[in-house]
Each structure stands twice: as structure tokens, then as C-alpha cells.
Amino acid sequence: EEGEEEDGDDDDEQDPRVYQPVVKKKVLDDNDETETDLPPGWKVFRTRTPNERPYYYNKELNKTQWTKPEKEKPPVPDGWTAYKTKTPRERTYFYNSKEKKTTWTFPDS
């Protein structure tokens, strides 16, 4: 019929003889780490390998790295102390010795 491709060629199909890089950039999915967790200018990507290892890229600095860049943190309010857990994930928590309070979120005051 009119408008249909002849001989079954599919333009979306890639020629298997064309070189395909082993590692390609892939932007993370919505349920992965978000770029709001990163300092301005940084983007997170995953390698196209079975473990999809994350890496970080900053176009402005022309820099790529395996370690997650950290945002600058504001000073902890008076009376509060920041601690890191001794686990592989190394989460930060905050303790107020005066009020005997502990929280995972950054304290307001």
C-alpha cells in the first residue's frame, strides 16, 4: 500500500557490524538517586555494565568522577552535633545533648 516501506527494511534496526561502545552514559531513572542530591552543575549517570555503576559528571568543570560530589553543608545549629554512622552507607545524624534529642534530618535550630 501507499506510504508503507517496501522489502521489510526497518530504519530503527541497527547494523550489528557497527561498533557499539561497551560503556555508554545512561541517566538514572526516577527511583534512583536524584540530581537534587548533588551540588549545582553535577549530573549522575550509570555505566552500561551489569552492575550499572554510578558516576558523576560536571560539564562546566569538564570533570568526571566515581565518587559522589558533596553539597556544601551549612553549619550545624548551636547545641547540635553531627555524627556519621559506622556502616557502609555512612549516614549522618544529629544529636542535641542539651535536649537529649536525635534526628536524621538537619535540625532547624
C-alpha atoms as a PDB file:
ATOM      1  CA  GLU A   1       0.000   0.000   0.000  1.00  0.00           C
ATOM      2  CA  GLU A   2       0.927   3.625  -0.354  1.00  0.00           C
ATOM      3  CA  GLY A   3       3.244   5.025   2.367  1.00  0.00           C
ATOM      4  CA  GLU A   4       4.421   1.599   3.578  1.00  0.00           C
ATOM      5  CA  GLU A   5       8.059   0.594   3.376  1.00  0.00           C
ATOM      6  CA  GLU A   6       8.975  -1.975   0.830  1.00  0.00           C
ATOM      7  CA  ASP A   7      11.059  -5.129   1.375  1.00  0.00           C
ATOM      8  CA  GLY A   8      10.608  -5.012   5.187  1.00  0.00           C
ATOM      9  CA  ASP A   9      13.535  -2.693   5.954  1.00  0.00           C
ATOM     10  CA  ASP A  10      13.333  -1.234   9.436  1.00  0.00           C
ATOM     11  CA  ASP A  11      15.172   2.063   9.879  1.00  0.00           C
ATOM     12  CA  ASP A  12      15.197   1.625  13.690  1.00  0.00           C
ATOM     13  CA  GLU A  13      17.213  -1.586  13.475  1.00  0.00           C
ATOM     14  CA  GLN A  14      20.972  -1.129  13.966  1.00  0.00           C
ATOM     15  CA  ASP A  15      23.543  -2.857  11.809  1.00  0.00           C
ATOM     16  CA  PRO A  16      25.304  -5.369  14.134  1.00  0.00           C
ATOM     17  CA  ARG A  17      28.589  -4.696  12.325  1.00  0.00           C
ATOM     18  CA  VAL A  18      28.634  -1.085  13.569  1.00  0.00           C
ATOM     19  CA  TYR A  19      30.899  -0.564  16.598  1.00  0.00           C
ATOM     20  CA  GLN A  20      28.937  -0.289  19.817  1.00  0.00           C
ATOM     21  CA  PRO A  21      30.833   1.048  22.869  1.00  0.00           C
ATOM     22  CA  VAL A  22      30.910  -1.191  25.908  1.00  0.00           C
ATOM     23  CA  VAL A  23      30.130   1.689  28.286  1.00  0.00           C
ATOM     24  CA  LYS A  24      27.512   4.309  27.464  1.00  0.00           C
ATOM     25  CA  LYS A  25      26.034   7.099  29.555  1.00  0.00           C
ATOM     26  CA  LYS A  26      22.591   6.392  30.959  1.00  0.00           C
ATOM     27  CA  VAL A  27      20.715   8.965  33.015  1.00  0.00           C
ATOM     28  CA  LEU A  28      19.271   7.475  36.168  1.00  0.00           C
ATOM     29  CA  ASP A  29      15.627   6.519  36.459  1.00  0.00           C
ATOM     30  CA  ASP A  30      13.174   8.417  38.678  1.00  0.00           C
ATOM     31  CA  ASN A  31      13.525   5.903  41.512  1.00  0.00           C
ATOM     32  CA  ASP A  32      17.328   6.286  41.605  1.00  0.00           C
ATOM     33  CA  GLU A  33      19.426   8.955  43.240  1.00  0.00           C
ATOM     34  CA  THR A  34      18.320  12.392  42.071  1.00  0.00           C
ATOM     35  CA  GLU A  35      20.429  15.263  40.869  1.00  0.00           C
ATOM     36  CA  THR A  36      18.919  17.423  43.626  1.00  0.00           C
ATOM     37  CA  ASP A  37      21.181  15.379  45.945  1.00  0.00           C
ATOM     38  CA  LEU A  38      24.190  16.831  44.087  1.00  0.00           C
ATOM     39  CA  PRO A  39      25.893  20.228  44.041  1.00  0.00           C
ATOM     40  CA  PRO A  40      24.917  22.568  41.173  1.00  0.00           C
ATOM     41  CA  GLY A  41      26.310  21.572  37.773  1.00  0.00           C
ATOM     42  CA  TRP A  42      26.733  17.871  38.575  1.00  0.00           C
ATOM     43  CA  LYS A  43      24.794  15.070  36.875  1.00  0.00           C
ATOM     44  CA  VAL A  44      24.737  11.400  37.750  1.00  0.00           C
ATOM     45  CA  PHE A  45      24.924   8.661  35.122  1.00  0.00           C
ATOM     46  CA  ARG A  46      25.275   4.873  35.186  1.00  0.00           C
ATOM     47  CA  THR A  47      27.632   2.716  33.185  1.00  0.00           C
ATOM     48  CA  ARG A  48      26.100   0.282  30.766  1.00  0.00           C
ATOM     49  CA  THR A  49      27.518  -2.741  32.536  1.00  0.00           C
ATOM     50  CA  PRO A  50      25.734  -5.425  34.559  1.00  0.00           C
ATOM     51  CA  ASN A  51      26.241  -3.534  37.833  1.00  0.00           C
ATOM     52  CA  GLU A  52      25.304  -0.114  36.325  1.00  0.00           C
ATOM     53  CA  ARG A  53      27.896   1.682  38.468  1.00  0.00           C
ATOM     54  CA  PRO A  54      27.050   5.373  39.052  1.00  0.00           C
ATOM     55  CA  TYR A  55      29.476   8.085  38.022  1.00  0.00           C
ATOM     56  CA  TYR A  56      29.275  11.849  38.195  1.00  0.00           C
ATOM     57  CA  TYR A  57      29.905  14.495  35.531  1.00  0.00           C
ATOM     58  CA  ASN A  58      30.199  18.273  35.679  1.00  0.00           C
ATOM     59  CA  LYS A  59      30.180  19.850  32.211  1.00  0.00           C
ATOM     60  CA  GLU A  60      31.239  23.285  33.497  1.00  0.00           C
ATOM     61  CA  LEU A  61      34.331  21.822  35.189  1.00  0.00           C
ATOM     62  CA  ASN A  62      34.828  19.207  32.437  1.00  0.00           C
ATOM     63  CA  LYS A  63      35.222  16.649  35.222  1.00  0.00           C
ATOM     64  CA  THR A  64      34.083  13.048  35.600  1.00  0.00           C
ATOM     65  CA  GLN A  65      34.484  11.064  38.810  1.00  0.00           C
ATOM     66  CA  TRP A  66      33.347   7.864  40.522  1.00  0.00           C
ATOM     67  CA  THR A  67      32.820   9.417  43.964  1.00  0.00           C
ATOM     68  CA  LYS A  68      29.673  11.385  44.665  1.00  0.00           C
ATOM     69  CA  PRO A  69      30.399  15.127  44.976  1.00  0.00           C
ATOM     70  CA  GLU A  70      29.021  16.582  48.170  1.00  0.00           C
ATOM     71  CA  LYS A  71      26.997  19.740  48.591  1.00  0.00           C
ATOM     72  CA  GLU A  72      28.413  22.404  50.858  1.00  0.00           C
ATOM     73  CA  LYS A  73      26.752  21.950  54.204  1.00  0.00           C
ATOM     74  CA  PRO A  74      25.561  24.804  56.373  1.00  0.00           C
ATOM     75  CA  PRO A  75      26.931  24.902  59.921  1.00  0.00           C
ATOM     76  CA  VAL A  76      25.077  22.771  62.464  1.00  0.00           C
ATOM     77  CA  PRO A  77      22.978  24.984  64.786  1.00  0.00           C
ATOM     78  CA  ASP A  78      24.237  25.653  68.319  1.00  0.00           C
ATOM     79  CA  GLY A  79      23.640  22.769  70.698  1.00  0.00           C
ATOM     80  CA  TRP A  80      23.609  20.173  67.891  1.00  0.00           C
ATOM     81  CA  THR A  81      26.432  17.852  66.844  1.00  0.00           C
ATOM     82  CA  ALA A  82      26.606  15.917  63.571  1.00  0.00           C
ATOM     83  CA  TYR A  83      27.731  12.270  63.681  1.00  0.00           C
ATOM     84  CA  LYS A  84      28.221   9.635  60.992  1.00  0.00           C
ATOM     85  CA  THR A  85      27.062   6.056  61.413  1.00  0.00           C
ATOM     86  CA  LYS A  86      29.720   3.358  61.259  1.00  0.00           C
ATOM     87  CA  THR A  87      28.030   1.467  58.457  1.00  0.00           C
ATOM     88  CA  PRO A  88      28.889   1.122  54.757  1.00  0.00           C
ATOM     89  CA  ARG A  89      26.188   3.662  53.887  1.00  0.00           C
ATOM     90  CA  GLU A  90      27.640   6.136  56.432  1.00  0.00           C
ATOM     91  CA  ARG A  91      24.503   8.187  57.163  1.00  0.00           C
ATOM     92  CA  THR A  92      24.655  11.463  59.088  1.00  0.00           C
ATOM     93  CA  TYR A  93      22.534  12.013  62.170  1.00  0.00           C
ATOM     94  CA  PHE A  94      22.328  14.896  64.610  1.00  0.00           C
ATOM     95  CA  TYR A  95      22.307  14.888  68.411  1.00  0.00           C
ATOM     96  CA  ASN A  96      21.380  17.684  70.814  1.00  0.00           C
ATOM     97  CA  SER A  97      22.952  16.899  74.202  1.00  0.00           C
ATOM     98  CA  LYS A  98      21.048  19.684  75.973  1.00  0.00           C
ATOM     99  CA  GLU A  99      17.621  18.492  74.816  1.00  0.00           C
ATOM    100  CA  LYS A 100      18.639  14.802  74.552  1.00  0.00           C
ATOM    101  CA  LYS A 101      17.231  14.618  71.008  1.00  0.00           C
ATOM    102  CA  THR A 102      18.470  12.690  67.978  1.00  0.00           C
ATOM    103  CA  THR A 103      17.299  13.214  64.394  1.00  0.00           C
ATOM    104  CA  TRP A 104      18.206  12.061  60.875  1.00  0.00           C
ATOM    105  CA  THR A 105      17.133  15.406  59.378  1.00  0.00           C
ATOM    106  CA  PHE A 106      19.141  18.607  59.608  1.00  0.00           C
ATOM    107  CA  PRO A 107      17.946  20.461  62.739  1.00  0.00           C
ATOM    108  CA  ASP A 108      16.237  23.838  62.359  1.00  0.00           C
ATOM    109  CA  SER A 109      17.731  25.329  65.483  1.00  0.00           C
END
